[in-house]
PDBML (XML) file of the C-alpha atoms, coordinates in Angstrom:
<?xml version="1.0" encoding="UTF-8" ?>
<PDBx:datablock datablockName="MODEL"
   xmlns:PDBx="http://pdbml.pdb.org/schema/pdbx-v50.xsd"
   xmlns:xsi="http://www.w3.org/2001/XMLSchema-instance"
   xsi:schemaLocation="http://pdbml.pdb.org/schema/pdbx-v50.xsd pdbx-v50.xsd">
   <PDBx:atom_siteCategory>
      <PDBx:atom_site id="1">
         <PDBx:B_iso_or_equiv>0.00</PDBx:B_iso_or_equiv>
         <PDBx:Cartn_x>0.000</PDBx:Cartn_x>
         <PDBx:Cartn_y>0.000</PDBx:Cartn_y>
         <PDBx:Cartn_z>0.000</PDBx:Cartn_z>
         <PDBx:auth_asym_id>A</PDBx:auth_asym_id>
         <PDBx:auth_atom_id>CA</PDBx:auth_atom_id>
         <PDBx:auth_comp_id>UNK</PDBx:auth_comp_id>
         <PDBx:auth_seq_id>1</PDBx:auth_seq_id>
         <PDBx:group_PDB>ATOM</PDBx:group_PDB>
         <PDBx:label_alt_id xsi:nil="true" />
         <PDBx:label_asym_id>A</PDBx:label_asym_id>
         <PDBx:label_atom_id>CA</PDBx:label_atom_id>
         <PDBx:label_comp_id>UNK</PDBx:label_comp_id>
         <PDBx:label_entity_id>1</PDBx:label_entity_id>
         <PDBx:label_seq_id>1</PDBx:label_seq_id>
         <PDBx:occupancy>1.00</PDBx:occupancy>
         <PDBx:pdbx_PDB_model_num>1</PDBx:pdbx_PDB_model_num>
         <PDBx:type_symbol>C</PDBx:type_symbol>
      </PDBx:atom_site>
      <PDBx:atom_site id="2">
         <PDBx:B_iso_or_equiv>0.00</PDBx:B_iso_or_equiv>
         <PDBx:Cartn_x>0.999</PDBx:Cartn_x>
         <PDBx:Cartn_y>3.614</PDBx:Cartn_y>
         <PDBx:Cartn_z>-0.475</PDBx:Cartn_z>
         <PDBx:auth_asym_id>A</PDBx:auth_asym_id>
         <PDBx:auth_atom_id>CA</PDBx:auth_atom_id>
         <PDBx:auth_comp_id>UNK</PDBx:auth_comp_id>
         <PDBx:auth_seq_id>2</PDBx:auth_seq_id>
         <PDBx:group_PDB>ATOM</PDBx:group_PDB>
         <PDBx:label_alt_id xsi:nil="true" />
         <PDBx:label_asym_id>A</PDBx:label_asym_id>
         <PDBx:label_atom_id>CA</PDBx:label_atom_id>
         <PDBx:label_comp_id>UNK</PDBx:label_comp_id>
         <PDBx:label_entity_id>1</PDBx:label_entity_id>
         <PDBx:label_seq_id>2</PDBx:label_seq_id>
         <PDBx:occupancy>1.00</PDBx:occupancy>
         <PDBx:pdbx_PDB_model_num>1</PDBx:pdbx_PDB_model_num>
         <PDBx:type_symbol>C</PDBx:type_symbol>
      </PDBx:atom_site>
      <PDBx:atom_site id="3">
         <PDBx:B_iso_or_equiv>0.00</PDBx:B_iso_or_equiv>
         <PDBx:Cartn_x>-0.446</PDBx:Cartn_x>
         <PDBx:Cartn_y>6.710</PDBx:Cartn_y>
         <PDBx:Cartn_z>1.024</PDBx:Cartn_z>
         <PDBx:auth_asym_id>A</PDBx:auth_asym_id>
         <PDBx:auth_atom_id>CA</PDBx:auth_atom_id>
         <PDBx:auth_comp_id>UNK</PDBx:auth_comp_id>
         <PDBx:auth_seq_id>3</PDBx:auth_seq_id>
         <PDBx:group_PDB>ATOM</PDBx:group_PDB>
         <PDBx:label_alt_id xsi:nil="true" />
         <PDBx:label_asym_id>A</PDBx:label_asym_id>
         <PDBx:label_atom_id>CA</PDBx:label_atom_id>
         <PDBx:label_comp_id>UNK</PDBx:label_comp_id>
         <PDBx:label_entity_id>1</PDBx:label_entity_id>
         <PDBx:label_seq_id>3</PDBx:label_seq_id>
         <PDBx:occupancy>1.00</PDBx:occupancy>
         <PDBx:pdbx_PDB_model_num>1</PDBx:pdbx_PDB_model_num>
         <PDBx:type_symbol>C</PDBx:type_symbol>
      </PDBx:atom_site>
      <PDBx:atom_site id="4">
         <PDBx:B_iso_or_equiv>0.00</PDBx:B_iso_or_equiv>
         <PDBx:Cartn_x>-0.181</PDBx:Cartn_x>
         <PDBx:Cartn_y>10.334</PDBx:Cartn_y>
         <PDBx:Cartn_z>1.925</PDBx:Cartn_z>
         <PDBx:auth_asym_id>A</PDBx:auth_asym_id>
         <PDBx:auth_atom_id>CA</PDBx:auth_atom_id>
         <PDBx:auth_comp_id>UNK</PDBx:auth_comp_id>
         <PDBx:auth_seq_id>4</PDBx:auth_seq_id>
         <PDBx:group_PDB>ATOM</PDBx:group_PDB>
         <PDBx:label_alt_id xsi:nil="true" />
         <PDBx:label_asym_id>A</PDBx:label_asym_id>
         <PDBx:label_atom_id>CA</PDBx:label_atom_id>
         <PDBx:label_comp_id>UNK</PDBx:label_comp_id>
         <PDBx:label_entity_id>1</PDBx:label_entity_id>
         <PDBx:label_seq_id>4</PDBx:label_seq_id>
         <PDBx:occupancy>1.00</PDBx:occupancy>
         <PDBx:pdbx_PDB_model_num>1</PDBx:pdbx_PDB_model_num>
         <PDBx:type_symbol>C</PDBx:type_symbol>
      </PDBx:atom_site>
      <PDBx:atom_site id="5">
         <PDBx:B_iso_or_equiv>0.00</PDBx:B_iso_or_equiv>
         <PDBx:Cartn_x>0.126</PDBx:Cartn_x>
         <PDBx:Cartn_y>11.634</PDBx:Cartn_y>
         <PDBx:Cartn_z>5.446</PDBx:Cartn_z>
         <PDBx:auth_asym_id>A</PDBx:auth_asym_id>
         <PDBx:auth_atom_id>CA</PDBx:auth_atom_id>
         <PDBx:auth_comp_id>UNK</PDBx:auth_comp_id>
         <PDBx:auth_seq_id>5</PDBx:auth_seq_id>
         <PDBx:group_PDB>ATOM</PDBx:group_PDB>
         <PDBx:label_alt_id xsi:nil="true" />
         <PDBx:label_asym_id>A</PDBx:label_asym_id>
         <PDBx:label_atom_id>CA</PDBx:label_atom_id>
         <PDBx:label_comp_id>UNK</PDBx:label_comp_id>
         <PDBx:label_entity_id>1</PDBx:label_entity_id>
         <PDBx:label_seq_id>5</PDBx:label_seq_id>
         <PDBx:occupancy>1.00</PDBx:occupancy>
         <PDBx:pdbx_PDB_model_num>1</PDBx:pdbx_PDB_model_num>
         <PDBx:type_symbol>C</PDBx:type_symbol>
      </PDBx:atom_site>
      <PDBx:atom_site id="6">
         <PDBx:B_iso_or_equiv>0.00</PDBx:B_iso_or_equiv>
         <PDBx:Cartn_x>0.391</PDBx:Cartn_x>
         <PDBx:Cartn_y>15.214</PDBx:Cartn_y>
         <PDBx:Cartn_z>6.617</PDBx:Cartn_z>
         <PDBx:auth_asym_id>A</PDBx:auth_asym_id>
         <PDBx:auth_atom_id>CA</PDBx:auth_atom_id>
         <PDBx:auth_comp_id>UNK</PDBx:auth_comp_id>
         <PDBx:auth_seq_id>6</PDBx:auth_seq_id>
         <PDBx:group_PDB>ATOM</PDBx:group_PDB>
         <PDBx:label_alt_id xsi:nil="true" />
         <PDBx:label_asym_id>A</PDBx:label_asym_id>
         <PDBx:label_atom_id>CA</PDBx:label_atom_id>
         <PDBx:label_comp_id>UNK</PDBx:label_comp_id>
         <PDBx:label_entity_id>1</PDBx:label_entity_id>
         <PDBx:label_seq_id>6</PDBx:label_seq_id>
         <PDBx:occupancy>1.00</PDBx:occupancy>
         <PDBx:pdbx_PDB_model_num>1</PDBx:pdbx_PDB_model_num>
         <PDBx:type_symbol>C</PDBx:type_symbol>
      </PDBx:atom_site>
      <PDBx:atom_site id="7">
         <PDBx:B_iso_or_equiv>0.00</PDBx:B_iso_or_equiv>
         <PDBx:Cartn_x>1.733</PDBx:Cartn_x>
         <PDBx:Cartn_y>17.030</PDBx:Cartn_y>
         <PDBx:Cartn_z>9.611</PDBx:Cartn_z>
         <PDBx:auth_asym_id>A</PDBx:auth_asym_id>
         <PDBx:auth_atom_id>CA</PDBx:auth_atom_id>
         <PDBx:auth_comp_id>UNK</PDBx:auth_comp_id>
         <PDBx:auth_seq_id>7</PDBx:auth_seq_id>
         <PDBx:group_PDB>ATOM</PDBx:group_PDB>
         <PDBx:label_alt_id xsi:nil="true" />
         <PDBx:label_asym_id>A</PDBx:label_asym_id>
         <PDBx:label_atom_id>CA</PDBx:label_atom_id>
         <PDBx:label_comp_id>UNK</PDBx:label_comp_id>
         <PDBx:label_entity_id>1</PDBx:label_entity_id>
         <PDBx:label_seq_id>7</PDBx:label_seq_id>
         <PDBx:occupancy>1.00</PDBx:occupancy>
         <PDBx:pdbx_PDB_model_num>1</PDBx:pdbx_PDB_model_num>
         <PDBx:type_symbol>C</PDBx:type_symbol>
      </PDBx:atom_site>
      <PDBx:atom_site id="8">
         <PDBx:B_iso_or_equiv>0.00</PDBx:B_iso_or_equiv>
         <PDBx:Cartn_x>0.800</PDBx:Cartn_x>
         <PDBx:Cartn_y>20.563</PDBx:Cartn_y>
         <PDBx:Cartn_z>10.570</PDBx:Cartn_z>
         <PDBx:auth_asym_id>A</PDBx:auth_asym_id>
         <PDBx:auth_atom_id>CA</PDBx:auth_atom_id>
         <PDBx:auth_comp_id>UNK</PDBx:auth_comp_id>
         <PDBx:auth_seq_id>8</PDBx:auth_seq_id>
         <PDBx:group_PDB>ATOM</PDBx:group_PDB>
         <PDBx:label_alt_id xsi:nil="true" />
         <PDBx:label_asym_id>A</PDBx:label_asym_id>
         <PDBx:label_atom_id>CA</PDBx:label_atom_id>
         <PDBx:label_comp_id>UNK</PDBx:label_comp_id>
         <PDBx:label_entity_id>1</PDBx:label_entity_id>
         <PDBx:label_seq_id>8</PDBx:label_seq_id>
         <PDBx:occupancy>1.00</PDBx:occupancy>
         <PDBx:pdbx_PDB_model_num>1</PDBx:pdbx_PDB_model_num>
         <PDBx:type_symbol>C</PDBx:type_symbol>
      </PDBx:atom_site>
      <PDBx:atom_site id="9">
         <PDBx:B_iso_or_equiv>0.00</PDBx:B_iso_or_equiv>
         <PDBx:Cartn_x>2.864</PDBx:Cartn_x>
         <PDBx:Cartn_y>22.597</PDBx:Cartn_y>
         <PDBx:Cartn_z>13.062</PDBx:Cartn_z>
         <PDBx:auth_asym_id>A</PDBx:auth_asym_id>
         <PDBx:auth_atom_id>CA</PDBx:auth_atom_id>
         <PDBx:auth_comp_id>UNK</PDBx:auth_comp_id>
         <PDBx:auth_seq_id>9</PDBx:auth_seq_id>
         <PDBx:group_PDB>ATOM</PDBx:group_PDB>
         <PDBx:label_alt_id xsi:nil="true" />
         <PDBx:label_asym_id>A</PDBx:label_asym_id>
         <PDBx:label_atom_id>CA</PDBx:label_atom_id>
         <PDBx:label_comp_id>UNK</PDBx:label_comp_id>
         <PDBx:label_entity_id>1</PDBx:label_entity_id>
         <PDBx:label_seq_id>9</PDBx:label_seq_id>
         <PDBx:occupancy>1.00</PDBx:occupancy>
         <PDBx:pdbx_PDB_model_num>1</PDBx:pdbx_PDB_model_num>
         <PDBx:type_symbol>C</PDBx:type_symbol>
      </PDBx:atom_site>
      <PDBx:atom_site id="10">
         <PDBx:B_iso_or_equiv>0.00</PDBx:B_iso_or_equiv>
         <PDBx:Cartn_x>2.229</PDBx:Cartn_x>
         <PDBx:Cartn_y>21.424</PDBx:Cartn_y>
         <PDBx:Cartn_z>16.600</PDBx:Cartn_z>
         <PDBx:auth_asym_id>A</PDBx:auth_asym_id>
         <PDBx:auth_atom_id>CA</PDBx:auth_atom_id>
         <PDBx:auth_comp_id>UNK</PDBx:auth_comp_id>
         <PDBx:auth_seq_id>10</PDBx:auth_seq_id>
         <PDBx:group_PDB>ATOM</PDBx:group_PDB>
         <PDBx:label_alt_id xsi:nil="true" />
         <PDBx:label_asym_id>A</PDBx:label_asym_id>
         <PDBx:label_atom_id>CA</PDBx:label_atom_id>
         <PDBx:label_comp_id>UNK</PDBx:label_comp_id>
         <PDBx:label_entity_id>1</PDBx:label_entity_id>
         <PDBx:label_seq_id>10</PDBx:label_seq_id>
         <PDBx:occupancy>1.00</PDBx:occupancy>
         <PDBx:pdbx_PDB_model_num>1</PDBx:pdbx_PDB_model_num>
         <PDBx:type_symbol>C</PDBx:type_symbol>
      </PDBx:atom_site>
      <PDBx:atom_site id="11">
         <PDBx:B_iso_or_equiv>0.00</PDBx:B_iso_or_equiv>
         <PDBx:Cartn_x>0.095</PDBx:Cartn_x>
         <PDBx:Cartn_y>18.497</PDBx:Cartn_y>
         <PDBx:Cartn_z>15.476</PDBx:Cartn_z>
         <PDBx:auth_asym_id>A</PDBx:auth_asym_id>
         <PDBx:auth_atom_id>CA</PDBx:auth_atom_id>
         <PDBx:auth_comp_id>UNK</PDBx:auth_comp_id>
         <PDBx:auth_seq_id>11</PDBx:auth_seq_id>
         <PDBx:group_PDB>ATOM</PDBx:group_PDB>
         <PDBx:label_alt_id xsi:nil="true" />
         <PDBx:label_asym_id>A</PDBx:label_asym_id>
         <PDBx:label_atom_id>CA</PDBx:label_atom_id>
         <PDBx:label_comp_id>UNK</PDBx:label_comp_id>
         <PDBx:label_entity_id>1</PDBx:label_entity_id>
         <PDBx:label_seq_id>11</PDBx:label_seq_id>
         <PDBx:occupancy>1.00</PDBx:occupancy>
         <PDBx:pdbx_PDB_model_num>1</PDBx:pdbx_PDB_model_num>
         <PDBx:type_symbol>C</PDBx:type_symbol>
      </PDBx:atom_site>
      <PDBx:atom_site id="12">
         <PDBx:B_iso_or_equiv>0.00</PDBx:B_iso_or_equiv>
         <PDBx:Cartn_x>0.627</PDBx:Cartn_x>
         <PDBx:Cartn_y>14.784</PDBx:Cartn_y>
         <PDBx:Cartn_z>15.031</PDBx:Cartn_z>
         <PDBx:auth_asym_id>A</PDBx:auth_asym_id>
         <PDBx:auth_atom_id>CA</PDBx:auth_atom_id>
         <PDBx:auth_comp_id>UNK</PDBx:auth_comp_id>
         <PDBx:auth_seq_id>12</PDBx:auth_seq_id>
         <PDBx:group_PDB>ATOM</PDBx:group_PDB>
         <PDBx:label_alt_id xsi:nil="true" />
         <PDBx:label_asym_id>A</PDBx:label_asym_id>
         <PDBx:label_atom_id>CA</PDBx:label_atom_id>
         <PDBx:label_comp_id>UNK</PDBx:label_comp_id>
         <PDBx:label_entity_id>1</PDBx:label_entity_id>
         <PDBx:label_seq_id>12</PDBx:label_seq_id>
         <PDBx:occupancy>1.00</PDBx:occupancy>
         <PDBx:pdbx_PDB_model_num>1</PDBx:pdbx_PDB_model_num>
         <PDBx:type_symbol>C</PDBx:type_symbol>
      </PDBx:atom_site>
      <PDBx:atom_site id="13">
         <PDBx:B_iso_or_equiv>0.00</PDBx:B_iso_or_equiv>
         <PDBx:Cartn_x>1.145</PDBx:Cartn_x>
         <PDBx:Cartn_y>13.274</PDBx:Cartn_y>
         <PDBx:Cartn_z>11.627</PDBx:Cartn_z>
         <PDBx:auth_asym_id>A</PDBx:auth_asym_id>
         <PDBx:auth_atom_id>CA</PDBx:auth_atom_id>
         <PDBx:auth_comp_id>UNK</PDBx:auth_comp_id>
         <PDBx:auth_seq_id>13</PDBx:auth_seq_id>
         <PDBx:group_PDB>ATOM</PDBx:group_PDB>
         <PDBx:label_alt_id xsi:nil="true" />
         <PDBx:label_asym_id>A</PDBx:label_asym_id>
         <PDBx:label_atom_id>CA</PDBx:label_atom_id>
         <PDBx:label_comp_id>UNK</PDBx:label_comp_id>
         <PDBx:label_entity_id>1</PDBx:label_entity_id>
         <PDBx:label_seq_id>13</PDBx:label_seq_id>
         <PDBx:occupancy>1.00</PDBx:occupancy>
         <PDBx:pdbx_PDB_model_num>1</PDBx:pdbx_PDB_model_num>
         <PDBx:type_symbol>C</PDBx:type_symbol>
      </PDBx:atom_site>
      <PDBx:atom_site id="14">
         <PDBx:B_iso_or_equiv>0.00</PDBx:B_iso_or_equiv>
         <PDBx:Cartn_x>-2.152</PDBx:Cartn_x>
         <PDBx:Cartn_y>11.975</PDBx:Cartn_y>
         <PDBx:Cartn_z>10.257</PDBx:Cartn_z>
         <PDBx:auth_asym_id>A</PDBx:auth_asym_id>
         <PDBx:auth_atom_id>CA</PDBx:auth_atom_id>
         <PDBx:auth_comp_id>UNK</PDBx:auth_comp_id>
         <PDBx:auth_seq_id>14</PDBx:auth_seq_id>
         <PDBx:group_PDB>ATOM</PDBx:group_PDB>
         <PDBx:label_alt_id xsi:nil="true" />
         <PDBx:label_asym_id>A</PDBx:label_asym_id>
         <PDBx:label_atom_id>CA</PDBx:label_atom_id>
         <PDBx:label_comp_id>UNK</PDBx:label_comp_id>
         <PDBx:label_entity_id>1</PDBx:label_entity_id>
         <PDBx:label_seq_id>14</PDBx:label_seq_id>
         <PDBx:occupancy>1.00</PDBx:occupancy>
         <PDBx:pdbx_PDB_model_num>1</PDBx:pdbx_PDB_model_num>
         <PDBx:type_symbol>C</PDBx:type_symbol>
      </PDBx:atom_site>
      <PDBx:atom_site id="15">
         <PDBx:B_iso_or_equiv>0.00</PDBx:B_iso_or_equiv>
         <PDBx:Cartn_x>-3.231</PDBx:Cartn_x>
         <PDBx:Cartn_y>9.758</PDBx:Cartn_y>
         <PDBx:Cartn_z>7.399</PDBx:Cartn_z>
         <PDBx:auth_asym_id>A</PDBx:auth_asym_id>
         <PDBx:auth_atom_id>CA</PDBx:auth_atom_id>
         <PDBx:auth_comp_id>UNK</PDBx:auth_comp_id>
         <PDBx:auth_seq_id>15</PDBx:auth_seq_id>
         <PDBx:group_PDB>ATOM</PDBx:group_PDB>
         <PDBx:label_alt_id xsi:nil="true" />
         <PDBx:label_asym_id>A</PDBx:label_asym_id>
         <PDBx:label_atom_id>CA</PDBx:label_atom_id>
         <PDBx:label_comp_id>UNK</PDBx:label_comp_id>
         <PDBx:label_entity_id>1</PDBx:label_entity_id>
         <PDBx:label_seq_id>15</PDBx:label_seq_id>
         <PDBx:occupancy>1.00</PDBx:occupancy>
         <PDBx:pdbx_PDB_model_num>1</PDBx:pdbx_PDB_model_num>
         <PDBx:type_symbol>C</PDBx:type_symbol>
      </PDBx:atom_site>
      <PDBx:atom_site id="16">
         <PDBx:B_iso_or_equiv>0.00</PDBx:B_iso_or_equiv>
         <PDBx:Cartn_x>-4.819</PDBx:Cartn_x>
         <PDBx:Cartn_y>11.667</PDBx:Cartn_y>
         <PDBx:Cartn_z>4.535</PDBx:Cartn_z>
         <PDBx:auth_asym_id>A</PDBx:auth_asym_id>
         <PDBx:auth_atom_id>CA</PDBx:auth_atom_id>
         <PDBx:auth_comp_id>UNK</PDBx:auth_comp_id>
         <PDBx:auth_seq_id>16</PDBx:auth_seq_id>
         <PDBx:group_PDB>ATOM</PDBx:group_PDB>
         <PDBx:label_alt_id xsi:nil="true" />
         <PDBx:label_asym_id>A</PDBx:label_asym_id>
         <PDBx:label_atom_id>CA</PDBx:label_atom_id>
         <PDBx:label_comp_id>UNK</PDBx:label_comp_id>
         <PDBx:label_entity_id>1</PDBx:label_entity_id>
         <PDBx:label_seq_id>16</PDBx:label_seq_id>
         <PDBx:occupancy>1.00</PDBx:occupancy>
         <PDBx:pdbx_PDB_model_num>1</PDBx:pdbx_PDB_model_num>
         <PDBx:type_symbol>C</PDBx:type_symbol>
      </PDBx:atom_site>
      <PDBx:atom_site id="17">
         <PDBx:B_iso_or_equiv>0.00</PDBx:B_iso_or_equiv>
         <PDBx:Cartn_x>-5.386</PDBx:Cartn_x>
         <PDBx:Cartn_y>8.945</PDBx:Cartn_y>
         <PDBx:Cartn_z>1.944</PDBx:Cartn_z>
         <PDBx:auth_asym_id>A</PDBx:auth_asym_id>
         <PDBx:auth_atom_id>CA</PDBx:auth_atom_id>
         <PDBx:auth_comp_id>UNK</PDBx:auth_comp_id>
         <PDBx:auth_seq_id>17</PDBx:auth_seq_id>
         <PDBx:group_PDB>ATOM</PDBx:group_PDB>
         <PDBx:label_alt_id xsi:nil="true" />
         <PDBx:label_asym_id>A</PDBx:label_asym_id>
         <PDBx:label_atom_id>CA</PDBx:label_atom_id>
         <PDBx:label_comp_id>UNK</PDBx:label_comp_id>
         <PDBx:label_entity_id>1</PDBx:label_entity_id>
         <PDBx:label_seq_id>17</PDBx:label_seq_id>
         <PDBx:occupancy>1.00</PDBx:occupancy>
         <PDBx:pdbx_PDB_model_num>1</PDBx:pdbx_PDB_model_num>
         <PDBx:type_symbol>C</PDBx:type_symbol>
      </PDBx:atom_site>
      <PDBx:atom_site id="18">
         <PDBx:B_iso_or_equiv>0.00</PDBx:B_iso_or_equiv>
         <PDBx:Cartn_x>-4.105</PDBx:Cartn_x>
         <PDBx:Cartn_y>5.501</PDBx:Cartn_y>
         <PDBx:Cartn_z>1.051</PDBx:Cartn_z>
         <PDBx:auth_asym_id>A</PDBx:auth_asym_id>
         <PDBx:auth_atom_id>CA</PDBx:auth_atom_id>
         <PDBx:auth_comp_id>UNK</PDBx:auth_comp_id>
         <PDBx:auth_seq_id>18</PDBx:auth_seq_id>
         <PDBx:group_PDB>ATOM</PDBx:group_PDB>
         <PDBx:label_alt_id xsi:nil="true" />
         <PDBx:label_asym_id>A</PDBx:label_asym_id>
         <PDBx:label_atom_id>CA</PDBx:label_atom_id>
         <PDBx:label_comp_id>UNK</PDBx:label_comp_id>
         <PDBx:label_entity_id>1</PDBx:label_entity_id>
         <PDBx:label_seq_id>18</PDBx:label_seq_id>
         <PDBx:occupancy>1.00</PDBx:occupancy>
         <PDBx:pdbx_PDB_model_num>1</PDBx:pdbx_PDB_model_num>
         <PDBx:type_symbol>C</PDBx:type_symbol>
      </PDBx:atom_site>
      <PDBx:atom_site id="19">
         <PDBx:B_iso_or_equiv>0.00</PDBx:B_iso_or_equiv>
         <PDBx:Cartn_x>-4.322</PDBx:Cartn_x>
         <PDBx:Cartn_y>3.088</PDBx:Cartn_y>
         <PDBx:Cartn_z>-1.856</PDBx:Cartn_z>
         <PDBx:auth_asym_id>A</PDBx:auth_asym_id>
         <PDBx:auth_atom_id>CA</PDBx:auth_atom_id>
         <PDBx:auth_comp_id>UNK</PDBx:auth_comp_id>
         <PDBx:auth_seq_id>19</PDBx:auth_seq_id>
         <PDBx:group_PDB>ATOM</PDBx:group_PDB>
         <PDBx:label_alt_id xsi:nil="true" />
         <PDBx:label_asym_id>A</PDBx:label_asym_id>
         <PDBx:label_atom_id>CA</PDBx:label_atom_id>
         <PDBx:label_comp_id>UNK</PDBx:label_comp_id>
         <PDBx:label_entity_id>1</PDBx:label_entity_id>
         <PDBx:label_seq_id>19</PDBx:label_seq_id>
         <PDBx:occupancy>1.00</PDBx:occupancy>
         <PDBx:pdbx_PDB_model_num>1</PDBx:pdbx_PDB_model_num>
         <PDBx:type_symbol>C</PDBx:type_symbol>
      </PDBx:atom_site>
      <PDBx:atom_site id="20">
         <PDBx:B_iso_or_equiv>0.00</PDBx:B_iso_or_equiv>
         <PDBx:Cartn_x>-3.544</PDBx:Cartn_x>
         <PDBx:Cartn_y>-0.610</PDBx:Cartn_y>
         <PDBx:Cartn_z>-1.821</PDBx:Cartn_z>
         <PDBx:auth_asym_id>A</PDBx:auth_asym_id>
         <PDBx:auth_atom_id>CA</PDBx:auth_atom_id>
         <PDBx:auth_comp_id>UNK</PDBx:auth_comp_id>
         <PDBx:auth_seq_id>20</PDBx:auth_seq_id>
         <PDBx:group_PDB>ATOM</PDBx:group_PDB>
         <PDBx:label_alt_id xsi:nil="true" />
         <PDBx:label_asym_id>A</PDBx:label_asym_id>
         <PDBx:label_atom_id>CA</PDBx:label_atom_id>
         <PDBx:label_comp_id>UNK</PDBx:label_comp_id>
         <PDBx:label_entity_id>1</PDBx:label_entity_id>
         <PDBx:label_seq_id>20</PDBx:label_seq_id>
         <PDBx:occupancy>1.00</PDBx:occupancy>
         <PDBx:pdbx_PDB_model_num>1</PDBx:pdbx_PDB_model_num>
         <PDBx:type_symbol>C</PDBx:type_symbol>
      </PDBx:atom_site>
      <PDBx:atom_site id="21">
         <PDBx:B_iso_or_equiv>0.00</PDBx:B_iso_or_equiv>
         <PDBx:Cartn_x>-1.774</PDBx:Cartn_x>
         <PDBx:Cartn_y>-2.603</PDBx:Cartn_y>
         <PDBx:Cartn_z>-4.496</PDBx:Cartn_z>
         <PDBx:auth_asym_id>A</PDBx:auth_asym_id>
         <PDBx:auth_atom_id>CA</PDBx:auth_atom_id>
         <PDBx:auth_comp_id>UNK</PDBx:auth_comp_id>
         <PDBx:auth_seq_id>21</PDBx:auth_seq_id>
         <PDBx:group_PDB>ATOM</PDBx:group_PDB>
         <PDBx:label_alt_id xsi:nil="true" />
         <PDBx:label_asym_id>A</PDBx:label_asym_id>
         <PDBx:label_atom_id>CA</PDBx:label_atom_id>
         <PDBx:label_comp_id>UNK</PDBx:label_comp_id>
         <PDBx:label_entity_id>1</PDBx:label_entity_id>
         <PDBx:label_seq_id>21</PDBx:label_seq_id>
         <PDBx:occupancy>1.00</PDBx:occupancy>
         <PDBx:pdbx_PDB_model_num>1</PDBx:pdbx_PDB_model_num>
         <PDBx:type_symbol>C</PDBx:type_symbol>
      </PDBx:atom_site>
      <PDBx:atom_site id="22">
         <PDBx:B_iso_or_equiv>0.00</PDBx:B_iso_or_equiv>
         <PDBx:Cartn_x>-5.220</PDBx:Cartn_x>
         <PDBx:Cartn_y>-3.845</PDBx:Cartn_y>
         <PDBx:Cartn_z>-5.512</PDBx:Cartn_z>
         <PDBx:auth_asym_id>A</PDBx:auth_asym_id>
         <PDBx:auth_atom_id>CA</PDBx:auth_atom_id>
         <PDBx:auth_comp_id>UNK</PDBx:auth_comp_id>
         <PDBx:auth_seq_id>22</PDBx:auth_seq_id>
         <PDBx:group_PDB>ATOM</PDBx:group_PDB>
         <PDBx:label_alt_id xsi:nil="true" />
         <PDBx:label_asym_id>A</PDBx:label_asym_id>
         <PDBx:label_atom_id>CA</PDBx:label_atom_id>
         <PDBx:label_comp_id>UNK</PDBx:label_comp_id>
         <PDBx:label_entity_id>1</PDBx:label_entity_id>
         <PDBx:label_seq_id>22</PDBx:label_seq_id>
         <PDBx:occupancy>1.00</PDBx:occupancy>
         <PDBx:pdbx_PDB_model_num>1</PDBx:pdbx_PDB_model_num>
         <PDBx:type_symbol>C</PDBx:type_symbol>
      </PDBx:atom_site>
      <PDBx:atom_site id="23">
         <PDBx:B_iso_or_equiv>0.00</PDBx:B_iso_or_equiv>
         <PDBx:Cartn_x>-6.550</PDBx:Cartn_x>
         <PDBx:Cartn_y>-0.314</PDBx:Cartn_y>
         <PDBx:Cartn_z>-5.918</PDBx:Cartn_z>
         <PDBx:auth_asym_id>A</PDBx:auth_asym_id>
         <PDBx:auth_atom_id>CA</PDBx:auth_atom_id>
         <PDBx:auth_comp_id>UNK</PDBx:auth_comp_id>
         <PDBx:auth_seq_id>23</PDBx:auth_seq_id>
         <PDBx:group_PDB>ATOM</PDBx:group_PDB>
         <PDBx:label_alt_id xsi:nil="true" />
         <PDBx:label_asym_id>A</PDBx:label_asym_id>
         <PDBx:label_atom_id>CA</PDBx:label_atom_id>
         <PDBx:label_comp_id>UNK</PDBx:label_comp_id>
         <PDBx:label_entity_id>1</PDBx:label_entity_id>
         <PDBx:label_seq_id>23</PDBx:label_seq_id>
         <PDBx:occupancy>1.00</PDBx:occupancy>
         <PDBx:pdbx_PDB_model_num>1</PDBx:pdbx_PDB_model_num>
         <PDBx:type_symbol>C</PDBx:type_symbol>
      </PDBx:atom_site>
      <PDBx:atom_site id="24">
         <PDBx:B_iso_or_equiv>0.00</PDBx:B_iso_or_equiv>
         <PDBx:Cartn_x>-8.687</PDBx:Cartn_x>
         <PDBx:Cartn_y>-0.006</PDBx:Cartn_y>
         <PDBx:Cartn_z>-2.788</PDBx:Cartn_z>
         <PDBx:auth_asym_id>A</PDBx:auth_asym_id>
         <PDBx:auth_atom_id>CA</PDBx:auth_atom_id>
         <PDBx:auth_comp_id>UNK</PDBx:auth_comp_id>
         <PDBx:auth_seq_id>24</PDBx:auth_seq_id>
         <PDBx:group_PDB>ATOM</PDBx:group_PDB>
         <PDBx:label_alt_id xsi:nil="true" />
         <PDBx:label_asym_id>A</PDBx:label_asym_id>
         <PDBx:label_atom_id>CA</PDBx:label_atom_id>
         <PDBx:label_comp_id>UNK</PDBx:label_comp_id>
         <PDBx:label_entity_id>1</PDBx:label_entity_id>
         <PDBx:label_seq_id>24</PDBx:label_seq_id>
         <PDBx:occupancy>1.00</PDBx:occupancy>
         <PDBx:pdbx_PDB_model_num>1</PDBx:pdbx_PDB_model_num>
         <PDBx:type_symbol>C</PDBx:type_symbol>
      </PDBx:atom_site>
      <PDBx:atom_site id="25">
         <PDBx:B_iso_or_equiv>0.00</PDBx:B_iso_or_equiv>
         <PDBx:Cartn_x>-8.677</PDBx:Cartn_x>
         <PDBx:Cartn_y>3.469</PDBx:Cartn_y>
         <PDBx:Cartn_z>-1.297</PDBx:Cartn_z>
         <PDBx:auth_asym_id>A</PDBx:auth_asym_id>
         <PDBx:auth_atom_id>CA</PDBx:auth_atom_id>
         <PDBx:auth_comp_id>UNK</PDBx:auth_comp_id>
         <PDBx:auth_seq_id>25</PDBx:auth_seq_id>
         <PDBx:group_PDB>ATOM</PDBx:group_PDB>
         <PDBx:label_alt_id xsi:nil="true" />
         <PDBx:label_asym_id>A</PDBx:label_asym_id>
         <PDBx:label_atom_id>CA</PDBx:label_atom_id>
         <PDBx:label_comp_id>UNK</PDBx:label_comp_id>
         <PDBx:label_entity_id>1</PDBx:label_entity_id>
         <PDBx:label_seq_id>25</PDBx:label_seq_id>
         <PDBx:occupancy>1.00</PDBx:occupancy>
         <PDBx:pdbx_PDB_model_num>1</PDBx:pdbx_PDB_model_num>
         <PDBx:type_symbol>C</PDBx:type_symbol>
      </PDBx:atom_site>
   </PDBx:atom_siteCategory>
</PDBx:datablock>
């Protein structure tokens, strides 16, 4: 799987979106 996470100043890193090798999101 691959995905995008984000981290804003003073906040924890969070998952934004992910996609599996099979294409599920």
